[in-house]
Amino acid sequence: MNEPIIYVEPERLAKWKRKFPIHWRTAIEAMKDDVVIQRGDADPAFVRKACLRTWGLMLSMYDLACPTERHRQKMRRGFRRLLAEFPFIDTMFPDFRQRLNEHDQWVKFGMDELDPDEIEGGRSGSA
């Protein structure tokens, strides 16, 4: 398998290093994995491992790198969309649902408010 070629502008890479000092390397690895998958050179085990790494990256960014509640709201909206579009993720990687359930409990006990997409969509909980 050829080494995938990716290019990230130096300014963008510097921003990622400042903003996500723990996560930027894994983000680069996820981009490399995507190139291999898109090229068609990946076997099913590689695809599964790449997905698990990317999903883990998303959760660790949610847990460790979200500077404000507004950022967490955006990520939770992404989690809801991801689970709605690809329900099998819930089976393979239930941690997204866990974060959404935690938020639901904070809302239930009045310690947090519904996310804007939950209000707009008429939902009172996760997808």
C-alpha atoms as a PDB file:
ATOM      1  CA  MET A   1       0.000   0.000   0.000  1.00  0.00           C
ATOM      2  CA  ASN A   2       1.396   3.393  -0.963  1.00  0.00           C
ATOM      3  CA  GLU A   3       1.757   6.039   1.724  1.00  0.00           C
ATOM      4  CA  PRO A   4      -1.203   8.425   1.395  1.00  0.00           C
ATOM      5  CA  ILE A   5      -0.452  11.995   0.449  1.00  0.00           C
ATOM      6  CA  ILE A   6      -2.235  14.682   2.416  1.00  0.00           C
ATOM      7  CA  TYR A   7      -1.505  18.344   2.677  1.00  0.00           C
ATOM      8  CA  VAL A   8      -2.504  20.654   5.487  1.00  0.00           C
ATOM      9  CA  GLU A   9      -1.614  24.307   5.135  1.00  0.00           C
ATOM     10  CA  PRO A  10       1.079  25.309   7.663  1.00  0.00           C
ATOM     11  CA  GLU A  11      -1.178  27.995   9.159  1.00  0.00           C
ATOM     12  CA  ARG A  12      -4.000  25.515   9.666  1.00  0.00           C
ATOM     13  CA  LEU A  13      -1.648  22.936  11.165  1.00  0.00           C
ATOM     14  CA  ALA A  14      -0.242  25.555  13.563  1.00  0.00           C
ATOM     15  CA  LYS A  15      -3.797  26.464  14.590  1.00  0.00           C
ATOM     16  CA  TRP A  16      -4.646  22.800  15.222  1.00  0.00           C
ATOM     17  CA  LYS A  17      -1.495  22.364  17.291  1.00  0.00           C
ATOM     18  CA  ARG A  18      -2.438  25.357  19.468  1.00  0.00           C
ATOM     19  CA  LYS A  19      -6.132  24.540  19.730  1.00  0.00           C
ATOM     20  CA  PHE A  20      -5.861  20.750  20.031  1.00  0.00           C
ATOM     21  CA  PRO A  21      -2.381  19.924  21.405  1.00  0.00           C
ATOM     22  CA  ILE A  22      -3.438  16.411  22.400  1.00  0.00           C
ATOM     23  CA  HIS A  23      -5.553  15.589  19.352  1.00  0.00           C
ATOM     24  CA  TRP A  24      -3.945  17.081  16.253  1.00  0.00           C
ATOM     25  CA  ARG A  25      -1.787  14.028  15.465  1.00  0.00           C
ATOM     26  CA  THR A  26      -4.774  11.692  15.610  1.00  0.00           C
ATOM     27  CA  ALA A  27      -6.675  14.058  13.316  1.00  0.00           C
ATOM     28  CA  ILE A  28      -3.845  13.785  10.774  1.00  0.00           C
ATOM     29  CA  GLU A  29      -3.946   9.978  11.090  1.00  0.00           C
ATOM     30  CA  ALA A  30      -7.727  10.035  10.484  1.00  0.00           C
ATOM     31  CA  MET A  31      -7.154  12.096   7.346  1.00  0.00           C
ATOM     32  CA  LYS A  32      -4.546   9.582   6.137  1.00  0.00           C
ATOM     33  CA  ASP A  33      -6.926   6.705   6.854  1.00  0.00           C
ATOM     34  CA  ASP A  34      -9.639   8.456   4.852  1.00  0.00           C
ATOM     35  CA  VAL A  35      -7.341   8.775   1.840  1.00  0.00           C
ATOM     36  CA  VAL A  36      -6.599   5.048   1.950  1.00  0.00           C
ATOM     37  CA  ILE A  37     -10.300   4.183   2.291  1.00  0.00           C
ATOM     38  CA  GLN A  38     -11.364   6.560  -0.503  1.00  0.00           C
ATOM     39  CA  ARG A  39      -8.646   5.152  -2.760  1.00  0.00           C
ATOM     40  CA  GLY A  40     -10.078   1.661  -2.254  1.00  0.00           C
ATOM     41  CA  ASP A  41      -6.941   0.176  -0.696  1.00  0.00           C
ATOM     42  CA  ALA A  42      -8.483  -0.650   2.678  1.00  0.00           C
ATOM     43  CA  ASP A  43      -9.642  -4.041   3.855  1.00  0.00           C
ATOM     44  CA  PRO A  44     -12.637  -4.292   6.228  1.00  0.00           C
ATOM     45  CA  ALA A  45     -10.419  -4.586   9.310  1.00  0.00           C
ATOM     46  CA  PHE A  46      -8.603  -1.372   8.357  1.00  0.00           C
ATOM     47  CA  VAL A  47     -11.902   0.458   7.818  1.00  0.00           C
ATOM     48  CA  ARG A  48     -13.221  -0.692  11.189  1.00  0.00           C
ATOM     49  CA  LYS A  49     -10.032   0.344  12.984  1.00  0.00           C
ATOM     50  CA  ALA A  50     -10.026   3.723  11.209  1.00  0.00           C
ATOM     51  CA  CYS A  51     -13.657   4.335  12.156  1.00  0.00           C
ATOM     52  CA  LEU A  52     -13.045   3.448  15.787  1.00  0.00           C
ATOM     53  CA  ARG A  53     -10.010   5.756  15.898  1.00  0.00           C
ATOM     54  CA  THR A  54     -11.986   8.643  14.357  1.00  0.00           C
ATOM     55  CA  TRP A  55     -14.988   8.128  16.626  1.00  0.00           C
ATOM     56  CA  GLY A  56     -12.669   7.999  19.629  1.00  0.00           C
ATOM     57  CA  LEU A  57     -11.057  11.233  18.455  1.00  0.00           C
ATOM     58  CA  MET A  58     -14.454  12.917  18.236  1.00  0.00           C
ATOM     59  CA  LEU A  59     -15.356  11.862  21.761  1.00  0.00           C
ATOM     60  CA  SER A  60     -12.041  12.852  23.264  1.00  0.00           C
ATOM     61  CA  MET A  61     -12.325  16.248  21.599  1.00  0.00           C
ATOM     62  CA  TYR A  62     -15.825  16.562  23.074  1.00  0.00           C
ATOM     63  CA  ASP A  63     -14.609  15.549  26.525  1.00  0.00           C
ATOM     64  CA  LEU A  64     -11.293  17.430  26.595  1.00  0.00           C
ATOM     65  CA  ALA A  65     -11.144  20.143  23.964  1.00  0.00           C
ATOM     66  CA  CYS A  66     -14.543  21.845  23.835  1.00  0.00           C
ATOM     67  CA  PRO A  67     -13.853  25.312  25.249  1.00  0.00           C
ATOM     68  CA  THR A  68     -17.509  26.306  25.671  1.00  0.00           C
ATOM     69  CA  GLU A  69     -20.943  24.792  26.029  1.00  0.00           C
ATOM     70  CA  ARG A  70     -21.772  26.146  22.576  1.00  0.00           C
ATOM     71  CA  HIS A  71     -19.048  23.906  21.097  1.00  0.00           C
ATOM     72  CA  ARG A  72     -20.452  20.925  23.006  1.00  0.00           C
ATOM     73  CA  GLN A  73     -23.917  21.687  21.630  1.00  0.00           C
ATOM     74  CA  LYS A  74     -22.562  21.612  18.071  1.00  0.00           C
ATOM     75  CA  MET A  75     -20.806  18.317  18.694  1.00  0.00           C
ATOM     76  CA  ARG A  76     -23.914  16.774  20.298  1.00  0.00           C
ATOM     77  CA  ARG A  77     -25.905  17.856  17.227  1.00  0.00           C
ATOM     78  CA  GLY A  78     -23.294  16.068  15.104  1.00  0.00           C
ATOM     79  CA  PHE A  79     -23.570  12.965  17.293  1.00  0.00           C
ATOM     80  CA  ARG A  80     -27.369  12.971  16.850  1.00  0.00           C
ATOM     81  CA  ARG A  81     -27.049  13.289  13.073  1.00  0.00           C
ATOM     82  CA  LEU A  82     -24.384  10.590  12.917  1.00  0.00           C
ATOM     83  CA  LEU A  83     -26.480   8.135  14.921  1.00  0.00           C
ATOM     84  CA  ALA A  84     -29.610   8.935  12.891  1.00  0.00           C
ATOM     85  CA  GLU A  85     -27.808   8.398   9.582  1.00  0.00           C
ATOM     86  CA  PHE A  86     -25.750   5.366  10.645  1.00  0.00           C
ATOM     87  CA  PRO A  87     -27.621   3.503  13.419  1.00  0.00           C
ATOM     88  CA  PHE A  88     -25.076   0.656  13.423  1.00  0.00           C
ATOM     89  CA  ILE A  89     -22.601   3.017  15.112  1.00  0.00           C
ATOM     90  CA  ASP A  90     -24.699   2.739  18.269  1.00  0.00           C
ATOM     91  CA  THR A  91     -23.897  -0.973  18.379  1.00  0.00           C
ATOM     92  CA  MET A  92     -20.230  -0.679  17.449  1.00  0.00           C
ATOM     93  CA  PHE A  93     -19.439   2.424  19.491  1.00  0.00           C
ATOM     94  CA  PRO A  94     -22.107   3.207  22.115  1.00  0.00           C
ATOM     95  CA  ASP A  95     -20.129   6.093  23.624  1.00  0.00           C
ATOM     96  CA  PHE A  96     -21.920   8.686  21.453  1.00  0.00           C
ATOM     97  CA  ARG A  97     -25.252   7.603  22.909  1.00  0.00           C
ATOM     98  CA  GLN A  98     -23.743   7.706  26.406  1.00  0.00           C
ATOM     99  CA  ARG A  99     -22.758  11.380  25.970  1.00  0.00           C
ATOM    100  CA  LEU A 100     -26.229  12.191  24.670  1.00  0.00           C
ATOM    101  CA  ASN A 101     -27.844  10.333  27.578  1.00  0.00           C
ATOM    102  CA  GLU A 102     -25.642  12.227  30.045  1.00  0.00           C
ATOM    103  CA  HIS A 103     -26.829  15.494  28.520  1.00  0.00           C
ATOM    104  CA  ASP A 104     -30.453  14.293  28.728  1.00  0.00           C
ATOM    105  CA  GLN A 105     -30.007  13.644  32.440  1.00  0.00           C
ATOM    106  CA  TRP A 106     -28.505  17.109  33.013  1.00  0.00           C
ATOM    107  CA  VAL A 107     -31.545  18.571  31.231  1.00  0.00           C
ATOM    108  CA  LYS A 108     -33.962  16.366  33.159  1.00  0.00           C
ATOM    109  CA  PHE A 109     -32.664  17.595  36.496  1.00  0.00           C
ATOM    110  CA  GLY A 110     -32.559  21.240  35.415  1.00  0.00           C
ATOM    111  CA  MET A 111     -28.783  21.528  35.402  1.00  0.00           C
ATOM    112  CA  ASP A 112     -28.570  22.111  31.656  1.00  0.00           C
ATOM    113  CA  GLU A 113     -30.868  23.379  28.901  1.00  0.00           C
ATOM    114  CA  LEU A 114     -31.992  21.688  25.731  1.00  0.00           C
ATOM    115  CA  ASP A 115     -29.687  22.187  22.777  1.00  0.00           C
ATOM    116  CA  PRO A 116     -31.018  24.495  20.038  1.00  0.00           C
ATOM    117  CA  ASP A 117     -31.458  21.587  17.603  1.00  0.00           C
ATOM    118  CA  GLU A 118     -33.466  19.680  20.220  1.00  0.00           C
ATOM    119  CA  ILE A 119     -35.809  22.666  20.589  1.00  0.00           C
ATOM    120  CA  GLU A 120     -36.064  23.296  16.814  1.00  0.00           C
ATOM    121  CA  GLY A 121     -36.661  19.638  16.064  1.00  0.00           C
ATOM    122  CA  GLY A 122     -39.358  19.375  18.698  1.00  0.00           C
ATOM    123  CA  ARG A 123     -37.429  16.709  20.534  1.00  0.00           C
ATOM    124  CA  SER A 124     -36.806  16.558  24.224  1.00  0.00           C
ATOM    125  CA  GLY A 125     -33.850  14.226  24.208  1.00  0.00           C
ATOM    126  CA  SER A 126     -31.407  12.464  21.981  1.00  0.00           C
ATOM    127  CA  ALA A 127     -32.312  11.100  18.559  1.00  0.00           C
END
